[in-house]
Amino acid sequence: QNTGIVIQRSTIGATSDLQAVQANFSS
């Protein structure tokens, strides 16, 4: 299958609600 997910030239981060408790959750 010629399928897949490609993420290019983007940003991967956290929303503000996660940033406040980021140490308690793994991503």
PDB file of all heavy atoms in Angstrom:
ATOM      1  N   GLN A   1       0.843  -1.198   0.000  1.00  0.00           N
ATOM      2  CA  GLN A   1       0.000   0.000   0.000  1.00  0.00           C
ATOM      3  C   GLN A   1       0.878   1.248   0.000  1.00  0.00           C
ATOM      4  O   GLN A   1       1.816   1.357   0.788  1.00  0.00           O
ATOM      5  CB  GLN A   1      -0.917  -0.006   1.225  1.00  0.00           C
ATOM      6  CG  GLN A   1      -1.957  -1.109   1.207  1.00  0.00           C
ATOM      7  CD  GLN A   1      -2.719  -1.218   2.517  1.00  0.00           C
ATOM      8  OE1 GLN A   1      -2.276  -0.739   3.559  1.00  0.00           O
ATOM      9  NE2 GLN A   1      -3.864  -1.871   2.471  1.00  0.00           N
ATOM     10  N   ASN A   2       0.555   2.183  -0.905  1.00  0.00           N
ATOM     11  CA  ASN A   2       1.375   3.399  -1.015  1.00  0.00           C
ATOM     12  C   ASN A   2       0.812   4.500  -0.123  1.00  0.00           C
ATOM     13  O   ASN A   2       0.571   5.625  -0.556  1.00  0.00           O
ATOM     14  CB  ASN A   2       1.450   3.864  -2.474  1.00  0.00           C
ATOM     15  CG  ASN A   2       0.079   4.106  -3.086  1.00  0.00           C
ATOM     16  OD1 ASN A   2      -0.938   3.825  -2.462  1.00  0.00           O
ATOM     17  ND2 ASN A   2       0.054   4.642  -4.294  1.00  0.00           N
ATOM     18  N   THR A   3       0.611   4.161   1.144  1.00  0.00           N
ATOM     19  CA  THR A   3      -0.024   5.057   2.100  1.00  0.00           C
ATOM     20  C   THR A   3       0.933   5.420   3.226  1.00  0.00           C
ATOM     21  O   THR A   3       1.971   4.795   3.420  1.00  0.00           O
ATOM     22  CB  THR A   3      -1.279   4.391   2.688  1.00  0.00           C
ATOM     23  OG1 THR A   3      -0.904   3.109   3.240  1.00  0.00           O
ATOM     24  CG2 THR A   3      -2.343   4.170   1.611  1.00  0.00           C
ATOM     25  N   GLY A   4       0.549   6.425   3.985  1.00  0.00           N
ATOM     26  CA  GLY A   4       1.342   6.864   5.114  1.00  0.00           C
ATOM     27  C   GLY A   4       0.948   8.273   5.510  1.00  0.00           C
ATOM     28  O   GLY A   4       0.228   8.955   4.787  1.00  0.00           O
ATOM     29  N   ILE A   5       1.413   8.688   6.669  1.00  0.00           N
ATOM     30  CA  ILE A   5       1.211  10.061   7.144  1.00  0.00           C
ATOM     31  C   ILE A   5       2.566  10.751   7.146  1.00  0.00           C
ATOM     32  O   ILE A   5       3.522  10.262   7.754  1.00  0.00           O
ATOM     33  CB  ILE A   5       0.608  10.075   8.551  1.00  0.00           C
ATOM     34  CG1 ILE A   5      -0.818   9.484   8.533  1.00  0.00           C
ATOM     35  CG2 ILE A   5       0.580  11.496   9.116  1.00  0.00           C
ATOM     36  CD1 ILE A   5      -1.399   9.249   9.918  1.00  0.00           C
ATOM     37  N   VAL A   6       2.641  11.881   6.450  1.00  0.00           N
ATOM     38  CA  VAL A   6       3.863  12.680   6.400  1.00  0.00           C
ATOM     39  C   VAL A   6       3.577  14.051   7.003  1.00  0.00           C
ATOM     40  O   VAL A   6       2.637  14.741   6.585  1.00  0.00           O
ATOM     41  CB  VAL A   6       4.374  12.844   4.958  1.00  0.00           C
ATOM     42  CG1 VAL A   6       5.609  13.744   4.933  1.00  0.00           C
ATOM     43  CG2 VAL A   6       4.681  11.482   4.335  1.00  0.00           C
ATOM     44  N   ILE A   7       4.370  14.432   7.969  1.00  0.00           N
ATOM     45  CA  ILE A   7       4.287  15.768   8.573  1.00  0.00           C
ATOM     46  C   ILE A   7       5.553  16.508   8.184  1.00  0.00           C
ATOM     47  O   ILE A   7       6.666  16.092   8.534  1.00  0.00           O
ATOM     48  CB  ILE A   7       4.147  15.666  10.099  1.00  0.00           C
ATOM     49  CG1 ILE A   7       2.852  14.927  10.471  1.00  0.00           C
ATOM     50  CG2 ILE A   7       4.187  17.047  10.738  1.00  0.00           C
ATOM     51  CD1 ILE A   7       2.724  14.597  11.947  1.00  0.00           C
ATOM     52  N   GLN A   8       5.395  17.596   7.420  1.00  0.00           N
ATOM     53  CA  GLN A   8       6.546  18.319   6.885  1.00  0.00           C
ATOM     54  C   GLN A   8       6.439  19.817   7.169  1.00  0.00           C
ATOM     55  O   GLN A   8       5.366  20.413   7.038  1.00  0.00           O
ATOM     56  CB  GLN A   8       6.647  18.110   5.371  1.00  0.00           C
ATOM     57  CG  GLN A   8       7.875  18.784   4.758  1.00  0.00           C
ATOM     58  CD  GLN A   8       7.846  18.838   3.245  1.00  0.00           C
ATOM     59  OE1 GLN A   8       6.781  18.745   2.639  1.00  0.00           O
ATOM     60  NE2 GLN A   8       9.000  19.003   2.621  1.00  0.00           N
ATOM     61  N   ARG A   9       7.564  20.409   7.554  1.00  0.00           N
ATOM     62  CA  ARG A   9       7.664  21.864   7.758  1.00  0.00           C
ATOM     63  C   ARG A   9       6.582  22.392   8.696  1.00  0.00           C
ATOM     64  O   ARG A   9       6.014  23.468   8.483  1.00  0.00           O
ATOM     65  CB  ARG A   9       7.590  22.601   6.416  1.00  0.00           C
ATOM     66  CG  ARG A   9       8.715  22.272   5.437  1.00  0.00           C
ATOM     67  CD  ARG A   9       8.502  22.981   4.106  1.00  0.00           C
ATOM     68  NE  ARG A   9       9.553  22.690   3.157  1.00  0.00           N
ATOM     69  CZ  ARG A   9      10.641  23.431   2.953  1.00  0.00           C
ATOM     70  NH1 ARG A   9      10.814  24.528   3.671  1.00  0.00           N
ATOM     71  NH2 ARG A   9      11.541  23.076   2.052  1.00  0.00           N
ATOM     72  N   SER A  10       6.267  21.618   9.709  1.00  0.00           N
ATOM     73  CA  SER A  10       5.181  21.958  10.620  1.00  0.00           C
ATOM     74  C   SER A  10       5.719  22.216  12.024  1.00  0.00           C
ATOM     75  O   SER A  10       6.924  22.234  12.245  1.00  0.00           O
ATOM     76  CB  SER A  10       4.147  20.822  10.623  1.00  0.00           C
ATOM     77  OG  SER A  10       3.548  20.679   9.353  1.00  0.00           O
ATOM     78  N   THR A  11       4.820  22.411  12.972  1.00  0.00           N
ATOM     79  CA  THR A  11       5.185  22.504  14.380  1.00  0.00           C
ATOM     80  C   THR A  11       4.345  21.497  15.160  1.00  0.00           C
ATOM     81  O   THR A  11       3.161  21.311  14.883  1.00  0.00           O
ATOM     82  CB  THR A  11       4.957  23.911  14.948  1.00  0.00           C
ATOM     83  OG1 THR A  11       3.573  24.261  14.805  1.00  0.00           O
ATOM     84  CG2 THR A  11       5.802  24.941  14.220  1.00  0.00           C
ATOM     85  N   ILE A  12       4.975  20.845  16.119  1.00  0.00           N
ATOM     86  CA  ILE A  12       4.282  19.922  17.004  1.00  0.00           C
ATOM     87  C   ILE A  12       4.496  20.420  18.423  1.00  0.00           C
ATOM     88  O   ILE A  12       5.628  20.495  18.905  1.00  0.00           O
ATOM     89  CB  ILE A  12       4.806  18.488  16.839  1.00  0.00           C
ATOM     90  CG1 ILE A  12       4.519  17.971  15.426  1.00  0.00           C
ATOM     91  CG2 ILE A  12       4.170  17.567  17.876  1.00  0.00           C
ATOM     92  CD1 ILE A  12       5.121  16.607  15.131  1.00  0.00           C
ATOM     93  N   GLY A  13       3.401  20.775  19.069  1.00  0.00           N
ATOM     94  CA  GLY A  13       3.495  21.346  20.410  1.00  0.00           C
ATOM     95  C   GLY A  13       2.312  20.959  21.265  1.00  0.00           C
ATOM     96  O   GLY A  13       1.652  19.952  21.027  1.00  0.00           O
ATOM     97  N   ALA A  14       2.031  21.775  22.284  1.00  0.00           N
ATOM     98  CA  ALA A  14       0.958  21.509  23.233  1.00  0.00           C
ATOM     99  C   ALA A  14       0.023  22.702  23.307  1.00  0.00           C
ATOM    100  O   ALA A  14       0.441  23.853  23.146  1.00  0.00           O
ATOM    101  CB  ALA A  14       1.535  21.215  24.614  1.00  0.00           C
ATOM    102  N   THR A  15      -1.242  22.422  23.541  1.00  0.00           N
ATOM    103  CA  THR A  15      -2.193  23.489  23.819  1.00  0.00           C
ATOM    104  C   THR A  15      -1.936  24.015  25.230  1.00  0.00           C
ATOM    105  O   THR A  15      -1.261  23.369  26.043  1.00  0.00           O
ATOM    106  CB  THR A  15      -3.639  22.991  23.705  1.00  0.00           C
ATOM    107  OG1 THR A  15      -3.807  21.864  24.585  1.00  0.00           O
ATOM    108  CG2 THR A  15      -3.963  22.572  22.275  1.00  0.00           C
ATOM    109  N   SER A  16      -2.489  25.168  25.540  1.00  0.00           N
ATOM    110  CA  SER A  16      -2.211  25.799  26.837  1.00  0.00           C
ATOM    111  C   SER A  16      -2.686  24.950  28.008  1.00  0.00           C
ATOM    112  O   SER A  16      -2.044  24.921  29.065  1.00  0.00           O
ATOM    113  CB  SER A  16      -2.856  27.188  26.891  1.00  0.00           C
ATOM    114  OG  SER A  16      -4.253  27.103  26.677  1.00  0.00           O
ATOM    115  N   ASP A  17      -3.795  24.213  27.834  1.00  0.00           N
ATOM    116  CA  ASP A  17      -4.283  23.393  28.946  1.00  0.00           C
ATOM    117  C   ASP A  17      -3.340  22.236  29.249  1.00  0.00           C
ATOM    118  O   ASP A  17      -3.220  21.812  30.402  1.00  0.00           O
ATOM    119  CB  ASP A  17      -5.703  22.889  28.666  1.00  0.00           C
ATOM    120  CG  ASP A  17      -5.801  21.949  27.476  1.00  0.00           C
ATOM    121  OD1 ASP A  17      -4.974  22.080  26.550  1.00  0.00           O
ATOM    122  OD2 ASP A  17      -6.703  21.090  27.453  1.00  0.00           O
ATOM    123  N   LEU A  18      -2.662  21.723  28.243  1.00  0.00           N
ATOM    124  CA  LEU A  18      -1.676  20.666  28.472  1.00  0.00           C
ATOM    125  C   LEU A  18      -0.369  21.245  28.990  1.00  0.00           C
ATOM    126  O   LEU A  18       0.277  20.638  29.868  1.00  0.00           O
ATOM    127  CB  LEU A  18      -1.432  19.868  27.186  1.00  0.00           C
ATOM    128  CG  LEU A  18      -0.370  18.763  27.283  1.00  0.00           C
ATOM    129  CD1 LEU A  18      -0.717  17.745  28.369  1.00  0.00           C
ATOM    130  CD2 LEU A  18      -0.192  18.072  25.943  1.00  0.00           C
ATOM    131  N   GLN A  19       0.047  22.386  28.492  1.00  0.00           N
ATOM    132  CA  GLN A  19       1.303  22.985  28.933  1.00  0.00           C
ATOM    133  C   GLN A  19       1.339  23.158  30.444  1.00  0.00           C
ATOM    134  O   GLN A  19       2.372  22.961  31.079  1.00  0.00           O
ATOM    135  CB  GLN A  19       1.506  24.334  28.248  1.00  0.00           C
ATOM    136  CG  GLN A  19       1.895  24.237  26.786  1.00  0.00           C
ATOM    137  CD  GLN A  19       1.995  25.583  26.114  1.00  0.00           C
ATOM    138  OE1 GLN A  19       1.478  26.589  26.619  1.00  0.00           O
ATOM    139  NE2 GLN A  19       2.643  25.629  24.970  1.00  0.00           N
ATOM    140  N   ALA A  20       0.202  23.491  31.021  1.00  0.00           N
ATOM    141  CA  ALA A  20       0.141  23.749  32.458  1.00  0.00           C
ATOM    142  C   ALA A  20       0.387  22.504  33.293  1.00  0.00           C
ATOM    143  O   ALA A  20       0.795  22.594  34.460  1.00  0.00           O
ATOM    144  CB  ALA A  20      -1.221  24.350  32.811  1.00  0.00           C
ATOM    145  N   VAL A  21       0.145  21.323  32.713  1.00  0.00           N
ATOM    146  CA  VAL A  21       0.291  20.056  33.459  1.00  0.00           C
ATOM    147  C   VAL A  21       1.116  19.052  32.666  1.00  0.00           C
ATOM    148  O   VAL A  21       0.982  17.838  32.847  1.00  0.00           O
ATOM    149  CB  VAL A  21      -1.102  19.465  33.792  1.00  0.00           C
ATOM    150  CG1 VAL A  21      -1.832  20.329  34.800  1.00  0.00           C
ATOM    151  CG2 VAL A  21      -1.938  19.285  32.529  1.00  0.00           C
ATOM    152  N   GLN A  22       1.979  19.542  31.825  1.00  0.00           N
ATOM    153  CA  GLN A  22       2.685  18.687  30.866  1.00  0.00           C
ATOM    154  C   GLN A  22       3.481  17.581  31.540  1.00  0.00           C
ATOM    155  O   GLN A  22       3.602  16.473  31.003  1.00  0.00           O
ATOM    156  CB  GLN A  22       3.610  19.565  30.017  1.00  0.00           C
ATOM    157  CG  GLN A  22       4.217  18.871  28.825  1.00  0.00           C
ATOM    158  CD  GLN A  22       4.906  19.865  27.901  1.00  0.00           C
ATOM    159  OE1 GLN A  22       4.266  20.763  27.352  1.00  0.00           O
ATOM    160  NE2 GLN A  22       6.209  19.737  27.753  1.00  0.00           N
ATOM    161  N   ALA A  23       3.991  17.842  32.735  1.00  0.00           N
ATOM    162  CA  ALA A  23       4.792  16.839  33.435  1.00  0.00           C
ATOM    163  C   ALA A  23       3.966  15.617  33.841  1.00  0.00           C
ATOM    164  O   ALA A  23       4.534  14.546  34.121  1.00  0.00           O
ATOM    165  CB  ALA A  23       5.436  17.464  34.671  1.00  0.00           C
ATOM    166  N   ASN A  24       2.660  15.735  33.835  1.00  0.00           N
ATOM    167  CA  ASN A  24       1.790  14.640  34.280  1.00  0.00           C
ATOM    168  C   ASN A  24       1.312  13.739  33.145  1.00  0.00           C
ATOM    169  O   ASN A  24       0.647  12.722  33.404  1.00  0.00           O
ATOM    170  CB  ASN A  24       0.571  15.205  35.007  1.00  0.00           C
ATOM    171  CG  ASN A  24       0.939  16.008  36.233  1.00  0.00           C
ATOM    172  OD1 ASN A  24       1.886  15.675  36.941  1.00  0.00           O
ATOM    173  ND2 ASN A  24       0.214  17.084  36.480  1.00  0.00           N
ATOM    174  N   PHE A  25       1.613  14.105  31.907  1.00  0.00           N
ATOM    175  CA  PHE A  25       1.124  13.344  30.762  1.00  0.00           C
ATOM    176  C   PHE A  25       2.248  13.160  29.751  1.00  0.00           C
ATOM    177  O   PHE A  25       3.025  14.080  29.493  1.00  0.00           O
ATOM    178  CB  PHE A  25      -0.047  14.071  30.079  1.00  0.00           C
ATOM    179  CG  PHE A  25      -1.246  14.248  30.961  1.00  0.00           C
ATOM    180  CD1 PHE A  25      -1.428  15.430  31.672  1.00  0.00           C
ATOM    181  CD2 PHE A  25      -2.184  13.238  31.092  1.00  0.00           C
ATOM    182  CE1 PHE A  25      -2.532  15.601  32.497  1.00  0.00           C
ATOM    183  CE2 PHE A  25      -3.292  13.396  31.903  1.00  0.00           C
ATOM    184  CZ  PHE A  25      -3.469  14.581  32.614  1.00  0.00           C
ATOM    185  N   SER A  26       2.319  11.980  29.160  1.00  0.00           N
ATOM    186  CA  SER A  26       3.325  11.706  28.134  1.00  0.00           C
ATOM    187  C   SER A  26       2.694  11.829  26.758  1.00  0.00           C
ATOM    188  O   SER A  26       1.562  11.393  26.539  1.00  0.00           O
ATOM    189  CB  SER A  26       3.898  10.294  28.307  1.00  0.00           C
ATOM    190  OG  SER A  26       4.598  10.186  29.531  1.00  0.00           O
ATOM    191  N   SER A  27       3.433  12.408  25.828  1.00  0.00           N
ATOM    192  CA  SER A  27       2.972  12.564  24.448  1.00  0.00           C
ATOM    193  C   SER A  27       4.032  11.996  23.508  1.00  0.00           C
ATOM    194  O   SER A  27       5.235  12.162  23.746  1.00  0.00           O
ATOM    195  CB  SER A  27       2.717  14.036  24.120  1.00  0.00           C
ATOM    196  OG  SER A  27       1.712  14.583  24.956  1.00  0.00           O
TER     197      SER A  27
END
